């Protein structure tokens, strides 16, 4: 039973529930306990008891009992409009909640790694808008997985999409594998290779990512694990598309996730040998909401790489 607490000036919190308000409204509108009971489909003593309990809680008489029916007292006339407003507000709240569950209204808040948000999610967001036009999407892009996980854990969002989290307490749904590529100018000596060995890039200049971008750690890790070197940066950026463009212009090689490569990029884009991949997953705090569950269905339809490449380095 839904109730509300309010102060009456004495310091005591009084409690009134919606059933009491509904019963009072029906009695006042019908002018009799018996007619109200018939309309409500309950026994007359139940209606009378609920109204009496309301009057005791308020400490005022709301209805004057007459030989034939009832009528509102001055206190009852003052109370009734507010009671009616409270009942209607509760009904509106219930309808709003039901509409969200039925995907007719509301909002889905998505937290995503920037490269995924820009590269893969627009297609799914477009499909969502076509299928559920009444449910808005708020997309928050993160350049580091740590801030994404912290925000989701703190209640800022319904679903996180990014590298599979480690030690996550809530539900996690694997989506697929994202592969990394090397970007070179078209006239680079390695541009004719089918794939590029990171060990061949030890003496090269690099286009690197700003430290706050999680991709900076990935590039450093791959270089260290592949050929035990620290890449020498000529320029740093926080944007994947900018890194690819700078590499195409000859400022250094870049390593970028394939999902975020600009379609108009005039460069040699080559896979890494052995492949470098990371697993992408969707996750939430404790349980999937109805909106997040529906969005997961659309995410599953995206062109994810389902199988991890044999012998690939996982980052």
C-alpha atoms as a PDB file:
ATOM      1  CA  UNK A   1       0.000   0.000   0.000  1.00  0.00           C
ATOM      2  CA  UNK A   2       1.400   3.400  -0.946  1.00  0.00           C
ATOM      3  CA  UNK A   3       1.517   5.974   1.796  1.00  0.00           C
ATOM      4  CA  UNK A   4       2.910   9.419   2.454  1.00  0.00           C
ATOM      5  CA  UNK A   5       4.168  11.098   5.586  1.00  0.00           C
ATOM      6  CA  UNK A   6       3.660  14.766   6.413  1.00  0.00           C
ATOM      7  CA  UNK A   7       4.040  17.047   9.408  1.00  0.00           C
ATOM      8  CA  UNK A   8       1.038  18.604  11.140  1.00  0.00           C
ATOM      9  CA  UNK A   9       2.897  21.294  13.078  1.00  0.00           C
ATOM     10  CA  UNK A  10       3.104  19.244  16.270  1.00  0.00           C
ATOM     11  CA  UNK A  11       6.353  17.514  15.302  1.00  0.00           C
ATOM     12  CA  UNK A  12       4.565  14.216  14.721  1.00  0.00           C
ATOM     13  CA  UNK A  13       4.683  12.577  11.304  1.00  0.00           C
ATOM     14  CA  UNK A  14       1.223  11.516  10.184  1.00  0.00           C
ATOM     15  CA  UNK A  15       0.742   8.792   7.577  1.00  0.00           C
ATOM     16  CA  UNK A  16      -2.002   8.638   4.976  1.00  0.00           C
ATOM     17  CA  UNK A  17      -2.321   5.955   2.301  1.00  0.00           C
ATOM     18  CA  UNK A  18      -3.874   6.050  -1.145  1.00  0.00           C
ATOM     19  CA  UNK A  19      -6.591   3.527  -0.329  1.00  0.00           C
ATOM     20  CA  UNK A  20      -7.937   5.810   2.396  1.00  0.00           C
ATOM     21  CA  UNK A  21      -7.944   8.748  -0.010  1.00  0.00           C
ATOM     22  CA  UNK A  22      -9.658   6.741  -2.742  1.00  0.00           C
ATOM     23  CA  UNK A  23     -12.358   5.524  -0.348  1.00  0.00           C
ATOM     24  CA  UNK A  24     -13.016   9.049   0.931  1.00  0.00           C
ATOM     25  CA  UNK A  25     -13.320  10.396  -2.631  1.00  0.00           C
ATOM     26  CA  UNK A  26     -15.811   7.684  -3.602  1.00  0.00           C
ATOM     27  CA  UNK A  27     -17.913   8.276  -0.481  1.00  0.00           C
ATOM     28  CA  UNK A  28     -17.917  12.037  -1.016  1.00  0.00           C
ATOM     29  CA  UNK A  29     -18.796  11.697  -4.706  1.00  0.00           C
ATOM     30  CA  UNK A  30     -21.586   9.161  -4.114  1.00  0.00           C
ATOM     31  CA  UNK A  31     -22.904  10.701  -0.880  1.00  0.00           C
ATOM     32  CA  UNK A  32     -23.148   7.351   0.910  1.00  0.00           C
ATOM     33  CA  UNK A  33     -20.929   4.561   2.193  1.00  0.00           C
ATOM     34  CA  UNK A  34     -23.174   1.906   0.663  1.00  0.00           C
ATOM     35  CA  UNK A  35     -23.027   3.321  -2.867  1.00  0.00           C
ATOM     36  CA  UNK A  36     -19.261   3.844  -2.606  1.00  0.00           C
ATOM     37  CA  UNK A  37     -18.803   0.234  -1.448  1.00  0.00           C
ATOM     38  CA  UNK A  38     -20.767  -1.099  -4.440  1.00  0.00           C
ATOM     39  CA  UNK A  39     -18.678   0.940  -6.865  1.00  0.00           C
ATOM     40  CA  UNK A  40     -15.423  -0.105  -5.226  1.00  0.00           C
ATOM     41  CA  UNK A  41     -16.472  -3.743  -5.073  1.00  0.00           C
ATOM     42  CA  UNK A  42     -15.763  -4.089  -1.346  1.00  0.00           C
ATOM     43  CA  UNK A  43     -17.838  -4.552   1.787  1.00  0.00           C
ATOM     44  CA  UNK A  44     -19.374  -1.406   3.287  1.00  0.00           C
ATOM     45  CA  UNK A  45     -17.715  -1.897   6.727  1.00  0.00           C
ATOM     46  CA  UNK A  46     -14.317  -1.859   4.999  1.00  0.00           C
ATOM     47  CA  UNK A  47     -15.024   1.531   3.431  1.00  0.00           C
ATOM     48  CA  UNK A  48     -16.278   2.932   6.726  1.00  0.00           C
ATOM     49  CA  UNK A  49     -13.234   1.633   8.614  1.00  0.00           C
ATOM     50  CA  UNK A  50     -10.778   3.140   6.125  1.00  0.00           C
ATOM     51  CA  UNK A  51     -12.412   6.564   6.270  1.00  0.00           C
ATOM     52  CA  UNK A  52     -12.555   6.461  10.075  1.00  0.00           C
ATOM     53  CA  UNK A  53      -8.872   5.517  10.179  1.00  0.00           C
ATOM     54  CA  UNK A  54      -8.102   8.491   7.935  1.00  0.00           C
ATOM     55  CA  UNK A  55     -10.038  10.837  10.203  1.00  0.00           C
ATOM     56  CA  UNK A  56      -8.255   9.495  13.298  1.00  0.00           C
ATOM     57  CA  UNK A  57      -4.886   9.955  11.631  1.00  0.00           C
ATOM     58  CA  UNK A  58      -5.704  13.517  10.619  1.00  0.00           C
ATOM     59  CA  UNK A  59      -7.404  14.350  13.885  1.00  0.00           C
ATOM     60  CA  UNK A  60     -10.374  15.945  12.087  1.00  0.00           C
ATOM     61  CA  UNK A  61     -13.877  14.881  11.024  1.00  0.00           C
ATOM     62  CA  UNK A  62     -14.151  14.845   7.223  1.00  0.00           C
ATOM     63  CA  UNK A  63     -17.670  13.479   6.791  1.00  0.00           C
ATOM     64  CA  UNK A  64     -20.862  14.306   8.631  1.00  0.00           C
ATOM     65  CA  UNK A  65     -22.942  11.134   9.025  1.00  0.00           C
ATOM     66  CA  UNK A  66     -26.627  11.803   8.237  1.00  0.00           C
ATOM     67  CA  UNK A  67     -29.706   9.543   8.535  1.00  0.00           C
ATOM     68  CA  UNK A  68     -29.615   9.196   4.758  1.00  0.00           C
ATOM     69  CA  UNK A  69     -26.046   9.365   3.530  1.00  0.00           C
ATOM     70  CA  UNK A  70     -23.144  11.687   4.347  1.00  0.00           C
ATOM     71  CA  UNK A  71     -21.842  15.136   3.474  1.00  0.00           C
ATOM     72  CA  UNK A  72     -18.468  16.786   3.737  1.00  0.00           C
ATOM     73  CA  UNK A  73     -17.622  18.916   6.747  1.00  0.00           C
ATOM     74  CA  UNK A  74     -15.753  22.204   6.194  1.00  0.00           C
ATOM     75  CA  UNK A  75     -12.524  20.316   6.871  1.00  0.00           C
ATOM     76  CA  UNK A  76     -13.608  17.644   4.402  1.00  0.00           C
ATOM     77  CA  UNK A  77     -14.326  20.236   1.709  1.00  0.00           C
ATOM     78  CA  UNK A  78     -10.818  21.660   2.166  1.00  0.00           C
ATOM     79  CA  UNK A  79      -9.234  18.212   2.178  1.00  0.00           C
ATOM     80  CA  UNK A  80     -11.027  16.638  -0.797  1.00  0.00           C
ATOM     81  CA  UNK A  81      -9.370  18.571  -3.696  1.00  0.00           C
ATOM     82  CA  UNK A  82      -5.902  17.775  -2.356  1.00  0.00           C
ATOM     83  CA  UNK A  83      -6.857  14.124  -1.850  1.00  0.00           C
ATOM     84  CA  UNK A  84      -8.158  13.927  -5.400  1.00  0.00           C
ATOM     85  CA  UNK A  85      -4.955  15.543  -6.715  1.00  0.00           C
ATOM     86  CA  UNK A  86      -2.792  13.029  -4.827  1.00  0.00           C
ATOM     87  CA  UNK A  87      -4.711  10.048  -6.221  1.00  0.00           C
ATOM     88  CA  UNK A  88      -4.540  11.385  -9.769  1.00  0.00           C
ATOM     89  CA  UNK A  89      -0.796  12.063  -9.406  1.00  0.00           C
ATOM     90  CA  UNK A  90      -0.226   8.496  -8.235  1.00  0.00           C
ATOM     91  CA  UNK A  91      -2.153   7.199 -11.249  1.00  0.00           C
ATOM     92  CA  UNK A  92      -0.038   9.347 -13.577  1.00  0.00           C
ATOM     93  CA  UNK A  93       3.132   8.050 -11.951  1.00  0.00           C
ATOM     94  CA  UNK A  94       1.978   4.461 -12.428  1.00  0.00           C
ATOM     95  CA  UNK A  95       1.176   5.102 -16.091  1.00  0.00           C
ATOM     96  CA  UNK A  96       4.594   6.700 -16.627  1.00  0.00           C
ATOM     97  CA  UNK A  97       6.354   3.718 -15.079  1.00  0.00           C
ATOM     98  CA  UNK A  98       4.268   1.309 -17.144  1.00  0.00           C
ATOM     99  CA  UNK A  99       5.065   3.216 -20.333  1.00  0.00           C
ATOM    100  CA  UNK A 100       8.781   2.851 -19.668  1.00  0.00           C
ATOM    101  CA  UNK A 101       8.444  -0.886 -19.094  1.00  0.00           C
ATOM    102  CA  UNK A 102       6.431  -1.144 -22.313  1.00  0.00           C
ATOM    103  CA  UNK A 103       9.077   0.931 -24.189  1.00  0.00           C
ATOM    104  CA  UNK A 104       6.609   3.670 -25.042  1.00  0.00           C
ATOM    105  CA  UNK A 105       8.339   6.460 -23.122  1.00  0.00           C
ATOM    106  CA  UNK A 106      11.311   7.212 -20.926  1.00  0.00           C
ATOM    107  CA  UNK A 107      15.042   7.331 -21.531  1.00  0.00           C
ATOM    108  CA  UNK A 108      17.944   4.934 -22.003  1.00  0.00           C
ATOM    109  CA  UNK A 109      21.285   6.238 -20.732  1.00  0.00           C
ATOM    110  CA  UNK A 110      24.329   4.622 -22.387  1.00  0.00           C
ATOM    111  CA  UNK A 111      27.933   4.977 -21.281  1.00  0.00           C
ATOM    112  CA  UNK A 112      30.383   3.924 -23.983  1.00  0.00           C
ATOM    113  CA  UNK A 113      34.070   4.042 -24.833  1.00  0.00           C
ATOM    114  CA  UNK A 114      34.525   6.843 -27.371  1.00  0.00           C
ATOM    115  CA  UNK A 115      35.843   4.647 -30.188  1.00  0.00           C
ATOM    116  CA  UNK A 116      32.808   2.356 -29.879  1.00  0.00           C
ATOM    117  CA  UNK A 117      30.373   5.246 -29.488  1.00  0.00           C
ATOM    118  CA  UNK A 118      31.591   6.887 -32.676  1.00  0.00           C
ATOM    119  CA  UNK A 119      32.323   3.785 -34.718  1.00  0.00           C
ATOM    120  CA  UNK A 120      29.654   1.166 -34.037  1.00  0.00           C
ATOM    121  CA  UNK A 121      26.812   2.574 -31.947  1.00  0.00           C
ATOM    122  CA  UNK A 122      25.278   5.089 -34.405  1.00  0.00           C
ATOM    123  CA  UNK A 123      23.730   2.239 -36.397  1.00  0.00           C
ATOM    124  CA  UNK A 124      22.132   0.707 -33.309  1.00  0.00           C
ATOM    125  CA  UNK A 125      20.937   4.106 -32.063  1.00  0.00           C
ATOM    126  CA  UNK A 126      19.295   4.735 -35.439  1.00  0.00           C
ATOM    127  CA  UNK A 127      17.505   1.385 -35.285  1.00  0.00           C
ATOM    128  CA  UNK A 128      16.405   2.133 -31.725  1.00  0.00           C
ATOM    129  CA  UNK A 129      14.875   5.447 -32.776  1.00  0.00           C
ATOM    130  CA  UNK A 130      12.935   3.735 -35.571  1.00  0.00           C
ATOM    131  CA  UNK A 131      11.668   0.976 -33.285  1.00  0.00           C
ATOM    132  CA  UNK A 132      11.079   2.916 -30.037  1.00  0.00           C
ATOM    133  CA  UNK A 133      10.571   6.574 -31.000  1.00  0.00           C
ATOM    134  CA  UNK A 134       9.129   7.449 -27.602  1.00  0.00           C
ATOM    135  CA  UNK A 135      12.238   6.365 -25.667  1.00  0.00           C
ATOM    136  CA  UNK A 136      15.091   8.857 -25.891  1.00  0.00           C
ATOM    137  CA  UNK A 137      18.766   7.871 -25.747  1.00  0.00           C
ATOM    138  CA  UNK A 138      21.430   9.792 -23.869  1.00  0.00           C
ATOM    139  CA  UNK A 139      24.921   8.765 -24.943  1.00  0.00           C
ATOM    140  CA  UNK A 140      27.929   9.579 -22.775  1.00  0.00           C
ATOM    141  CA  UNK A 141      31.328   9.006 -24.406  1.00  0.00           C
ATOM    142  CA  UNK A 142      34.326   8.069 -22.258  1.00  0.00           C
ATOM    143  CA  UNK A 143      37.962   8.069 -23.319  1.00  0.00           C
ATOM    144  CA  UNK A 144      39.031   5.764 -20.487  1.00  0.00           C
ATOM    145  CA  UNK A 145      37.379   2.591 -19.251  1.00  0.00           C
ATOM    146  CA  UNK A 146      38.068   3.504 -15.609  1.00  0.00           C
ATOM    147  CA  UNK A 147      35.820   6.562 -15.737  1.00  0.00           C
ATOM    148  CA  UNK A 148      33.130   4.608 -17.594  1.00  0.00           C
ATOM    149  CA  UNK A 149      33.041   1.871 -14.971  1.00  0.00           C
ATOM    150  CA  UNK A 150      33.129   4.380 -12.102  1.00  0.00           C
ATOM    151  CA  UNK A 151      30.204   6.357 -13.508  1.00  0.00           C
ATOM    152  CA  UNK A 152      28.129   3.246 -14.161  1.00  0.00           C
ATOM    153  CA  UNK A 153      28.898   1.879 -10.722  1.00  0.00           C
ATOM    154  CA  UNK A 154      27.836   5.219  -9.254  1.00  0.00           C
ATOM    155  CA  UNK A 155      24.418   5.084 -10.917  1.00  0.00           C
ATOM    156  CA  UNK A 156      25.107   7.343 -13.899  1.00  0.00           C
ATOM    157  CA  UNK A 157      23.644   5.271 -16.706  1.00  0.00           C
ATOM    158  CA  UNK A 158      21.715   2.105 -17.532  1.00  0.00           C
ATOM    159  CA  UNK A 159      24.284   0.245 -19.627  1.00  0.00           C
ATOM    160  CA  UNK A 160      28.041   0.382 -20.180  1.00  0.00           C
ATOM    161  CA  UNK A 161      29.685  -0.617 -23.465  1.00  0.00           C
ATOM    162  CA  UNK A 162      33.422  -1.030 -23.698  1.00  0.00           C
ATOM    163  CA  UNK A 163      36.298  -3.423 -22.994  1.00  0.00           C
ATOM    164  CA  UNK A 164      35.132  -6.351 -20.866  1.00  0.00           C
ATOM    165  CA  UNK A 165      35.457  -5.205 -17.239  1.00  0.00           C
ATOM    166  CA  UNK A 166      37.562  -7.164 -14.779  1.00  0.00           C
ATOM    167  CA  UNK A 167      36.009  -8.105 -11.455  1.00  0.00           C
ATOM    168  CA  UNK A 168      32.628  -6.605 -12.334  1.00  0.00           C
ATOM    169  CA  UNK A 169      29.918  -7.637  -9.858  1.00  0.00           C
ATOM    170  CA  UNK A 170      26.913  -7.110 -12.142  1.00  0.00           C
ATOM    171  CA  UNK A 171      25.736  -8.832 -15.346  1.00  0.00           C
ATOM    172  CA  UNK A 172      28.145  -8.823 -18.314  1.00  0.00           C
ATOM    173  CA  UNK A 173      27.203  -9.767 -21.906  1.00  0.00           C
ATOM    174  CA  UNK A 174      30.108 -10.350 -24.360  1.00  0.00           C
ATOM    175  CA  UNK A 175      29.524  -8.670 -27.716  1.00  0.00           C
ATOM    176  CA  UNK A 176      32.580  -9.490 -29.797  1.00  0.00           C
ATOM    177  CA  UNK A 177      36.240  -8.748 -30.513  1.00  0.00           C
ATOM    178  CA  UNK A 178      37.619  -5.434 -31.709  1.00  0.00           C
ATOM    179  CA  UNK A 179      40.849  -5.590 -33.721  1.00  0.00           C
ATOM    180  CA  UNK A 180      43.574  -2.943 -33.800  1.00  0.00           C
ATOM    181  CA  UNK A 181      45.305  -1.775 -36.985  1.00  0.00           C
ATOM    182  CA  UNK A 182      48.408   0.172 -37.932  1.00  0.00           C
ATOM    183  CA  UNK A 183      47.919   3.307 -40.027  1.00  0.00           C
ATOM    184  CA  UNK A 184      50.725   4.359 -42.399  1.00  0.00           C
ATOM    185  CA  UNK A 185      51.091   6.835 -45.268  1.00  0.00           C
ATOM    186  CA  UNK A 186      50.456   5.182 -48.622  1.00  0.00           C
ATOM    187  CA  UNK A 187      54.098   5.714 -49.637  1.00  0.00           C
ATOM    188  CA  UNK A 188      55.497   4.066 -46.497  1.00  0.00           C
ATOM    189  CA  UNK A 189      57.935   1.166 -47.111  1.00  0.00           C
ATOM    190  CA  UNK A 190      55.654  -1.109 -45.050  1.00  0.00           C
ATOM    191  CA  UNK A 191      52.481  -0.093 -46.882  1.00  0.00           C
ATOM    192  CA  UNK A 192      52.875  -2.999 -49.307  1.00  0.00           C
ATOM    193  CA  UNK A 193      52.888  -5.596 -46.517  1.00  0.00           C
ATOM    194  CA  UNK A 194      49.789  -7.656 -45.900  1.00  0.00           C
ATOM    195  CA  UNK A 195      50.338  -7.172 -42.144  1.00  0.00           C
ATOM    196  CA  UNK A 196      52.781  -5.232 -39.981  1.00  0.00           C
ATOM    197  CA  UNK A 197      54.949  -6.628 -37.195  1.00  0.00           C
ATOM    198  CA  UNK A 198      55.159  -4.197 -34.275  1.00  0.00           C
ATOM    199  CA  UNK A 199      58.869  -5.093 -34.048  1.00  0.00           C
ATOM    200  CA  UNK A 200      59.379  -3.342 -37.394  1.00  0.00           C
ATOM    201  CA  UNK A 201      58.234  -0.051 -35.847  1.00  0.00           C
ATOM    202  CA  UNK A 202      60.715   0.242 -32.971  1.00  0.00           C
ATOM    203  CA  UNK A 203      62.682   3.097 -34.553  1.00  0.00           C
ATOM    204  CA  UNK A 204      59.697   4.899 -36.044  1.00  0.00           C
ATOM    205  CA  UNK A 205      58.035   8.094 -34.914  1.00  0.00           C
ATOM    206  CA  UNK A 206      54.533   7.506 -33.553  1.00  0.00           C
ATOM    207  CA  UNK A 207      51.278   9.391 -33.309  1.00  0.00           C
ATOM    208  CA  UNK A 208      50.283   8.666 -29.714  1.00  0.00           C
ATOM    209  CA  UNK A 209      47.242   9.290 -27.547  1.00  0.00           C
ATOM    210  CA  UNK A 210      47.001  11.655 -24.605  1.00  0.00           C
ATOM    211  CA  UNK A 211      47.631   9.961 -21.264  1.00  0.00           C
ATOM    212  CA  UNK A 212      44.000  10.298 -20.144  1.00  0.00           C
ATOM    213  CA  UNK A 213      42.865   8.279 -23.161  1.00  0.00           C
ATOM    214  CA  UNK A 214      42.811   4.554 -22.372  1.00  0.00           C
ATOM    215  CA  UNK A 215      44.258   3.801 -25.816  1.00  0.00           C
ATOM    216  CA  UNK A 216      47.567   5.307 -24.671  1.00  0.00           C
ATOM    217  CA  UNK A 217      48.028   2.435 -22.213  1.00  0.00           C
ATOM    218  CA  UNK A 218      47.112  -0.106 -24.890  1.00  0.00           C
ATOM    219  CA  UNK A 219      49.671   1.198 -27.401  1.00  0.00           C
ATOM    220  CA  UNK A 220      52.395   1.230 -24.750  1.00  0.00           C
ATOM    221  CA  UNK A 221      51.489  -2.294 -23.637  1.00  0.00           C
ATOM    222  CA  UNK A 222      51.510  -3.727 -27.176  1.00  0.00           C
ATOM    223  CA  UNK A 223      54.902  -2.167 -27.972  1.00  0.00           C
ATOM    224  CA  UNK A 224      56.390  -3.438 -24.732  1.00  0.00           C
ATOM    225  CA  UNK A 225      54.971  -6.949 -25.038  1.00  0.00           C
ATOM    226  CA  UNK A 226      55.713  -7.298 -28.763  1.00  0.00           C
ATOM    227  CA  UNK A 227      59.232  -5.855 -29.009  1.00  0.00           C
ATOM    228  CA  UNK A 228      60.152  -4.423 -25.592  1.00  0.00           C
ATOM    229  CA  UNK A 229      60.300  -0.771 -26.605  1.00  0.00           C
ATOM    230  CA  UNK A 230      58.685   2.543 -25.712  1.00  0.00           C
ATOM    231  CA  UNK A 231      57.151   4.241 -28.772  1.00  0.00           C
ATOM    232  CA  UNK A 232      58.600   7.674 -29.551  1.00  0.00           C
ATOM    233  CA  UNK A 233      55.798  10.182 -30.055  1.00  0.00           C
ATOM    234  CA  UNK A 234      55.954  13.178 -32.376  1.00  0.00           C
ATOM    235  CA  UNK A 235      52.419  14.329 -31.639  1.00  0.00           C
ATOM    236  CA  UNK A 236      49.666  13.335 -29.218  1.00  0.00           C
ATOM    237  CA  UNK A 237      45.904  13.504 -29.601  1.00  0.00           C
ATOM    238  CA  UNK A 238      42.842  12.283 -27.704  1.00  0.00           C
ATOM    239  CA  UNK A 239      40.854  11.422 -30.844  1.00  0.00           C
ATOM    240  CA  UNK A 240      41.167   8.194 -32.851  1.00  0.00           C
ATOM    241  CA  UNK A 241      40.159   9.861 -36.119  1.00  0.00           C
ATOM    242  CA  UNK A 242      42.766  12.571 -35.580  1.00  0.00           C
ATOM    243  CA  UNK A 243      45.466   9.977 -34.856  1.00  0.00           C
ATOM    244  CA  UNK A 244      44.629   8.140 -38.076  1.00  0.00           C
ATOM    245  CA  UNK A 245      44.656  11.375 -40.084  1.00  0.00           C
ATOM    246  CA  UNK A 246      47.991  12.499 -38.631  1.00  0.00           C
ATOM    247  CA  UNK A 247      49.509   9.107 -39.417  1.00  0.00           C
ATOM    248  CA  UNK A 248      48.194   9.294 -42.979  1.00  0.00           C
ATOM    249  CA  UNK A 249      49.871  12.700 -43.296  1.00  0.00           C
ATOM    250  CA  UNK A 250      53.232  11.167 -42.393  1.00  0.00           C
ATOM    251  CA  UNK A 251      53.719  12.454 -38.847  1.00  0.00           C
ATOM    252  CA  UNK A 252      54.240   8.922 -37.526  1.00  0.00           C
ATOM    253  CA  UNK A 253      52.610   5.516 -37.405  1.00  0.00           C
ATOM    254  CA  UNK A 254      49.445   5.059 -35.367  1.00  0.00           C
ATOM    255  CA  UNK A 255      47.720   2.058 -33.842  1.00  0.00           C
ATOM    256  CA  UNK A 256      43.954   2.434 -33.706  1.00  0.00           C
ATOM    257  CA  UNK A 257      40.847   0.276 -33.134  1.00  0.00           C
ATOM    258  CA  UNK A 258      39.276  -0.795 -36.396  1.00  0.00           C
ATOM    259  CA  UNK A 259      35.759   0.222 -35.409  1.00  0.00           C
ATOM    260  CA  UNK A 260      36.691   3.893 -35.488  1.00  0.00           C
ATOM    261  CA  UNK A 261      38.666   4.220 -38.725  1.00  0.00           C
ATOM    262  CA  UNK A 262      37.283   7.014 -40.935  1.00  0.00           C
ATOM    263  CA  UNK A 263      35.819   5.611 -44.157  1.00  0.00           C
ATOM    264  CA  UNK A 264      37.413   8.448 -46.162  1.00  0.00           C
ATOM    265  CA  UNK A 265      40.920   7.916 -44.733  1.00  0.00           C
ATOM    266  CA  UNK A 266      43.573   8.115 -47.462  1.00  0.00           C
ATOM    267  CA  UNK A 267      46.165   5.836 -45.873  1.00  0.00           C
ATOM    268  CA  UNK A 268      47.532   2.327 -45.751  1.00  0.00           C
ATOM    269  CA  UNK A 269      45.652   0.505 -42.997  1.00  0.00           C
ATOM    270  CA  UNK A 270      47.239  -2.824 -42.137  1.00  0.00           C
ATOM    271  CA  UNK A 271      46.455  -5.521 -39.575  1.00  0.00           C
ATOM    272  CA  UNK A 272      49.056  -6.307 -36.942  1.00  0.00           C
ATOM    273  CA  UNK A 273      50.884  -9.652 -36.950  1.00  0.00           C
ATOM    274  CA  UNK A 274      50.050 -11.325 -34.663  1.00  0.00           C
ATOM    275  CA  UNK A 275      46.618  -9.703 -34.327  1.00  0.00           C
ATOM    276  CA  UNK A 276      45.919  -7.363 -31.420  1.00  0.00           C
ATOM    277  CA  UNK A 277      42.356  -7.500 -30.091  1.00  0.00           C
ATOM    278  CA  UNK A 278      40.212  -6.557 -27.119  1.00  0.00           C
ATOM    279  CA  UNK A 279      36.883  -8.063 -26.090  1.00  0.00           C
ATOM    280  CA  UNK A 280      33.945  -5.675 -26.054  1.00  0.00           C
ATOM    281  CA  UNK A 281      31.050  -6.263 -23.677  1.00  0.00           C
ATOM    282  CA  UNK A 282      27.882  -4.652 -22.395  1.00  0.00           C
ATOM    283  CA  UNK A 283      27.337  -4.542 -18.652  1.00  0.00           C
ATOM    284  CA  UNK A 284      25.139  -3.033 -15.970  1.00  0.00           C
ATOM    285  CA  UNK A 285      25.062  -2.656 -12.188  1.00  0.00           C
ATOM    286  CA  UNK A 286      22.699  -5.307 -10.830  1.00  0.00           C
ATOM    287  CA  UNK A 287      19.939  -6.289 -13.292  1.00  0.00           C
ATOM    288  CA  UNK A 288      19.036  -5.395 -16.860  1.00  0.00           C
ATOM    289  CA  UNK A 289      16.161  -2.938 -17.157  1.00  0.00           C
ATOM    290  CA  UNK A 290      13.526  -3.510 -19.842  1.00  0.00           C
ATOM    291  CA  UNK A 291      15.007  -0.708 -21.974  1.00  0.00           C
ATOM    292  CA  UNK A 292      18.573  -2.016 -21.627  1.00  0.00           C
ATOM    293  CA  UNK A 293      17.425  -5.542 -22.487  1.00  0.00           C
ATOM    294  CA  UNK A 294      15.777  -4.277 -25.668  1.00  0.00           C
ATOM    295  CA  UNK A 295      18.922  -2.359 -26.612  1.00  0.00           C
ATOM    296  CA  UNK A 296      21.067  -5.461 -26.075  1.00  0.00           C
ATOM    297  CA  UNK A 297      19.061  -7.146 -28.838  1.00  0.00           C
ATOM    298  CA  UNK A 298      20.012  -4.359 -31.253  1.00  0.00           C
ATOM    299  CA  UNK A 299      23.643  -4.466 -30.135  1.00  0.00           C
ATOM    300  CA  UNK A 300      23.811  -8.187 -30.883  1.00  0.00           C
ATOM    301  CA  UNK A 301      22.844  -7.457 -34.515  1.00  0.00           C
ATOM    302  CA  UNK A 302      25.888  -5.253 -35.123  1.00  0.00           C
ATOM    303  CA  UNK A 303      28.765  -6.690 -37.198  1.00  0.00           C
ATOM    304  CA  UNK A 304      30.908  -7.793 -34.275  1.00  0.00           C
ATOM    305  CA  UNK A 305      33.840 -10.145 -34.809  1.00  0.00           C
ATOM    306  CA  UNK A 306      32.486 -13.147 -32.913  1.00  0.00           C
ATOM    307  CA  UNK A 307      35.626 -15.289 -32.719  1.00  0.00           C
ATOM    308  CA  UNK A 308      38.967 -14.267 -31.304  1.00  0.00           C
ATOM    309  CA  UNK A 309      41.732 -14.563 -33.992  1.00  0.00           C
ATOM    310  CA  UNK A 310      44.022 -17.514 -33.361  1.00  0.00           C
ATOM    311  CA  UNK A 311      47.207 -16.490 -31.571  1.00  0.00           C
ATOM    312  CA  UNK A 312      46.027 -12.919 -31.068  1.00  0.00           C
ATOM    313  CA  UNK A 313      47.377 -10.672 -28.327  1.00  0.00           C
ATOM    314  CA  UNK A 314      44.567  -9.621 -25.974  1.00  0.00           C
ATOM    315  CA  UNK A 315      44.736  -6.116 -24.564  1.00  0.00           C
END
